[in-house]
């Protein structure tokens, strides 16, 4: 089992609450033009990201209700055979649904998810890879919410930026070590992170690590394509 020392001192449920509140508050300020703007996710508008978040709650609920196999079986029957197909189907689910209703559905279902994760603390839940610590899954979901908040341009108060980047870096180190156990992922005394393996060694600061693990670096990065692939923990 993956060493979770990178997560020590962090509360995933508080992080989940904070990121959900940040997204909900931002979405509530947008008009149709704001929702139509492109997000950082290629080919997705801001509304598409909201629809993706709303559809993702079905998976989170399946995890908490131990219904993941039934969830995937239903998708297979629909012909969903890739992550891209799943994501597109989830977004298209809300075609014709007004955005206010999509936001309300996401807020309601997400609140249920967050309560469910808190209740499952200390135990396992069902996931795509089988039984998995609910606490760890809560960290992954918090990291996803933070990434998508950045994707749609959610503002972050200056007083929160450092601590937010630090916890995201810790969870990113854990996610990378977990998804690529052949790598050595080490926080250095100067606060940077060293990743070694596959014939390479890379050192990055917290901000660059967060972007790399979420596969949000592009050709403008100082890291070449192979370096970016090494640090990505995103399917």
Protein backbone atom coordinates (compact mmCIF):
# COMPACT_ATOMS: atom_id res chain seq x y z
CA UNK A 1 0.00 0.00 0.00
CA UNK A 2 1.23 3.50 -0.84
CA UNK A 3 2.93 5.44 1.95
CA UNK A 4 0.63 8.36 2.77
CA UNK A 5 3.10 10.52 4.71
CA UNK A 6 2.61 13.29 2.12
CA UNK A 7 -0.96 13.65 3.45
CA UNK A 8 -0.07 14.01 7.12
CA UNK A 9 -1.59 17.02 8.81
CA UNK A 10 -4.26 17.51 6.15
CA UNK A 11 -8.01 17.05 6.56
CA UNK A 12 -9.53 15.97 3.23
CA UNK A 13 -13.08 16.76 4.31
CA UNK A 14 -12.30 20.36 5.16
CA UNK A 15 -10.44 20.68 1.87
CA UNK A 16 -13.43 19.26 0.01
CA UNK A 17 -15.78 21.69 1.72
CA UNK A 18 -13.56 24.66 0.93
CA UNK A 19 -13.11 23.83 -2.75
CA UNK A 20 -16.80 23.03 -3.26
CA UNK A 21 -17.76 26.34 -1.64
CA UNK A 22 -15.26 28.18 -3.82
CA UNK A 23 -16.68 26.67 -7.00
CA UNK A 24 -20.31 27.14 -6.00
CA UNK A 25 -19.78 30.80 -5.15
CA UNK A 26 -18.02 31.44 -8.45
CA UNK A 27 -20.56 29.63 -10.60
CA UNK A 28 -23.36 31.60 -8.94
CA UNK A 29 -21.83 34.88 -10.20
CA UNK A 30 -21.78 33.85 -13.87
CA UNK A 31 -24.26 34.76 -16.57
CA UNK A 32 -24.76 32.96 -19.87
CA UNK A 33 -21.77 34.72 -21.41
CA UNK A 34 -19.57 33.69 -18.50
CA UNK A 35 -20.63 30.06 -18.79
CA UNK A 36 -19.95 30.14 -22.54
CA UNK A 37 -16.31 31.12 -22.06
CA UNK A 38 -13.68 28.47 -22.84
CA UNK A 39 -12.18 26.70 -19.85
CA UNK A 40 -8.64 25.44 -19.52
CA UNK A 41 -9.92 21.96 -20.45
CA UNK A 42 -9.49 21.65 -24.20
CA UNK A 43 -12.82 21.82 -26.00
CA UNK A 44 -14.84 22.48 -22.82
CA UNK A 45 -16.66 25.65 -21.94
CA UNK A 46 -17.11 26.75 -18.33
CA UNK A 47 -20.62 25.29 -18.46
CA UNK A 48 -19.16 21.99 -19.71
CA UNK A 49 -16.94 21.86 -16.61
CA UNK A 50 -19.97 22.41 -14.39
CA UNK A 51 -21.83 19.63 -16.23
CA UNK A 52 -18.80 17.37 -15.82
CA UNK A 53 -18.75 18.02 -12.08
CA UNK A 54 -22.48 17.34 -11.84
CA UNK A 55 -22.21 14.08 -13.76
CA UNK A 56 -19.17 12.98 -11.73
CA UNK A 57 -21.34 12.93 -8.62
CA UNK A 58 -22.99 9.77 -9.98
CA UNK A 59 -19.65 7.99 -9.67
CA UNK A 60 -18.96 9.38 -6.20
CA UNK A 61 -22.36 8.19 -5.01
CA UNK A 62 -21.77 4.77 -6.55
CA UNK A 63 -18.50 4.58 -4.60
CA UNK A 64 -20.21 5.40 -1.32
CA UNK A 65 -23.15 3.08 -2.02
CA UNK A 66 -20.84 0.23 -3.15
CA UNK A 67 -22.47 0.20 -6.58
CA UNK A 68 -19.46 0.91 -8.78
CA UNK A 69 -19.68 -2.30 -10.81
CA UNK A 70 -23.35 -1.60 -11.61
CA UNK A 71 -22.38 1.98 -12.50
CA UNK A 72 -19.77 0.83 -15.00
CA UNK A 73 -22.01 -1.91 -16.37
CA UNK A 74 -24.64 0.70 -17.21
CA UNK A 75 -22.03 2.75 -19.04
CA UNK A 76 -20.77 -0.26 -20.97
CA UNK A 77 -24.32 -0.96 -22.13
CA UNK A 78 -24.39 2.56 -23.54
CA UNK A 79 -21.15 1.90 -25.45
CA UNK A 80 -18.89 4.03 -23.27
CA UNK A 81 -15.48 2.51 -23.83
CA UNK A 82 -13.02 5.28 -22.89
CA UNK A 83 -12.58 8.06 -20.36
CA UNK A 84 -13.26 10.58 -23.10
CA UNK A 85 -16.54 8.83 -23.95
CA UNK A 86 -17.56 8.79 -20.29
CA UNK A 87 -16.77 12.49 -19.88
CA UNK A 88 -18.60 13.47 -23.05
CA UNK A 89 -21.64 11.40 -22.13
CA UNK A 90 -21.74 13.01 -18.70
CA UNK A 91 -21.68 16.50 -20.15
CA UNK A 92 -24.27 15.68 -22.82
CA UNK A 93 -26.60 14.40 -20.08
CA UNK A 94 -27.37 18.03 -19.32
CA UNK A 95 -28.08 19.18 -22.87
CA UNK A 96 -31.26 21.20 -22.76
CA UNK A 97 -31.12 21.63 -18.97
CA UNK A 98 -30.87 25.24 -17.84
CA UNK A 99 -27.61 26.07 -16.13
CA UNK A 100 -29.22 27.18 -12.87
CA UNK A 101 -30.73 23.71 -12.52
CA UNK A 102 -27.40 22.04 -13.32
CA UNK A 103 -25.70 24.12 -10.63
CA UNK A 104 -28.37 23.30 -8.07
CA UNK A 105 -28.13 19.59 -8.85
CA UNK A 106 -24.36 19.64 -8.49
CA UNK A 107 -24.50 21.56 -5.21
CA UNK A 108 -27.06 19.16 -3.75
CA UNK A 109 -25.37 15.96 -4.86
CA UNK A 110 -21.91 17.24 -3.96
CA UNK A 111 -23.06 18.09 -0.44
CA UNK A 112 -24.34 14.53 -0.11
CA UNK A 113 -21.00 13.21 -1.37
CA UNK A 114 -19.05 15.27 1.13
CA UNK A 115 -21.22 14.10 4.01
CA UNK A 116 -20.79 10.53 2.81
CA UNK A 117 -17.00 10.80 2.76
CA UNK A 118 -16.94 12.19 6.30
CA UNK A 119 -19.16 9.35 7.48
CA UNK A 120 -16.88 6.79 5.81
CA UNK A 121 -13.71 8.08 7.49
CA UNK A 122 -11.51 5.23 8.65
CA UNK A 123 -13.10 2.67 6.35
CA UNK A 124 -13.01 1.59 2.73
CA UNK A 125 -15.36 2.50 -0.07
CA UNK A 126 -15.96 0.93 -3.47
CA UNK A 127 -14.01 2.42 -6.40
CA UNK A 128 -12.98 1.57 -9.94
CA UNK A 129 -10.01 -0.34 -8.48
CA UNK A 130 -12.03 -2.07 -5.77
CA UNK A 131 -11.99 -1.40 -2.03
CA UNK A 132 -10.07 1.77 -1.31
CA UNK A 133 -9.64 3.99 1.77
CA UNK A 134 -12.43 6.55 1.76
CA UNK A 135 -10.11 9.15 3.27
CA UNK A 136 -7.69 8.82 0.37
CA UNK A 137 -10.51 9.06 -2.15
CA UNK A 138 -11.67 12.27 -0.48
CA UNK A 139 -8.20 13.74 -1.05
CA UNK A 140 -8.35 12.81 -4.74
CA UNK A 141 -11.76 14.44 -5.14
CA UNK A 142 -10.61 17.59 -3.33
CA UNK A 143 -7.64 17.80 -5.68
CA UNK A 144 -9.92 17.38 -8.69
CA UNK A 145 -12.23 20.16 -7.49
CA UNK A 146 -9.27 22.50 -6.99
CA UNK A 147 -7.97 21.71 -10.48
CA UNK A 148 -11.32 22.39 -12.08
CA UNK A 149 -11.65 25.59 -10.06
CA UNK A 150 -8.45 26.76 -11.73
CA UNK A 151 -9.73 25.50 -15.07
CA UNK A 152 -12.69 27.91 -14.93
CA UNK A 153 -10.79 30.82 -13.44
CA UNK A 154 -12.13 30.80 -9.90
CA UNK A 155 -10.43 33.65 -8.02
CA UNK A 156 -8.41 32.79 -4.92
CA UNK A 157 -7.77 35.35 -2.21
CA UNK A 158 -4.11 36.22 -1.78
CA UNK A 159 -4.25 35.10 1.85
CA UNK A 160 -5.18 31.55 0.77
CA UNK A 161 -2.88 31.01 -2.17
CA UNK A 162 0.18 29.72 -0.36
CA UNK A 163 -1.61 27.26 1.90
CA UNK A 164 -3.80 26.09 -0.99
CA UNK A 165 -0.77 25.41 -3.16
CA UNK A 166 0.98 23.60 -0.30
CA UNK A 167 -1.83 21.13 0.38
CA UNK A 168 -2.33 20.53 -3.32
CA UNK A 169 1.37 19.79 -3.65
CA UNK A 170 1.19 17.28 -0.81
CA UNK A 171 -1.77 15.49 -2.33
CA UNK A 172 -0.09 15.64 -5.75
CA UNK A 173 3.02 13.95 -4.36
CA UNK A 174 0.83 11.22 -2.91
CA UNK A 175 -1.14 10.81 -6.16
CA UNK A 176 2.03 10.57 -8.24
CA UNK A 177 3.70 8.07 -5.91
CA UNK A 178 0.52 6.01 -5.84
CA UNK A 179 -0.07 5.96 -9.59
CA UNK A 180 3.60 5.40 -10.48
CA UNK A 181 5.18 3.28 -7.73
CA UNK A 182 8.38 2.93 -9.75
CA UNK A 183 9.13 6.61 -9.13
CA UNK A 184 10.83 8.13 -6.11
CA UNK A 185 8.83 11.18 -5.00
CA UNK A 186 10.64 13.19 -2.35
CA UNK A 187 10.05 16.60 -0.79
CA UNK A 188 13.42 18.33 -0.52
CA UNK A 189 14.59 20.50 2.42
CA UNK A 190 14.14 23.62 0.28
CA UNK A 191 10.46 22.76 -0.30
CA UNK A 192 10.90 21.59 -3.88
CA UNK A 193 9.93 18.08 -4.94
CA UNK A 194 12.34 15.65 -6.57
CA UNK A 195 10.92 12.95 -8.82
CA UNK A 196 13.29 10.26 -10.01
CA UNK A 197 12.80 7.17 -12.14
CA UNK A 198 12.53 5.89 -15.70
CA UNK A 199 16.04 7.18 -16.31
CA UNK A 200 15.23 10.77 -15.29
CA UNK A 201 15.39 13.06 -12.29
CA UNK A 202 13.33 16.26 -12.11
CA UNK A 203 12.98 18.91 -9.42
CA UNK A 204 9.96 21.22 -9.37
CA UNK A 205 8.43 23.76 -7.01
CA UNK A 206 4.95 23.26 -5.57
CA UNK A 207 3.10 25.24 -8.23
CA UNK A 208 4.78 23.42 -11.09
CA UNK A 209 4.20 20.05 -9.41
CA UNK A 210 0.48 20.72 -9.00
CA UNK A 211 0.13 21.69 -12.65
CA UNK A 212 2.23 18.75 -13.85
CA UNK A 213 0.40 16.08 -11.86
CA UNK A 214 -2.92 17.43 -13.17
CA UNK A 215 -1.55 17.35 -16.74
CA UNK A 216 -2.02 21.11 -17.09
CA UNK A 217 1.49 21.91 -18.37
CA UNK A 218 1.93 22.55 -22.10
CA UNK A 219 4.71 23.35 -24.54
CA UNK A 220 5.39 26.65 -22.79
CA UNK A 221 6.67 24.72 -19.77
CA UNK A 222 10.38 24.38 -19.11
CA UNK A 223 9.78 20.63 -18.95
CA UNK A 224 9.93 18.72 -22.21
CA UNK A 225 7.16 16.34 -23.28
CA UNK A 226 8.81 13.34 -21.61
CA UNK A 227 9.27 15.27 -18.37
CA UNK A 228 5.65 16.37 -18.37
CA UNK A 229 4.51 12.79 -18.99
CA UNK A 230 6.70 11.56 -16.13
CA UNK A 231 5.02 13.91 -13.67
CA UNK A 232 1.44 13.47 -14.87
CA UNK A 233 -0.90 11.34 -12.75
CA UNK A 234 -3.89 12.08 -14.95
CA UNK A 235 -5.25 9.30 -17.23
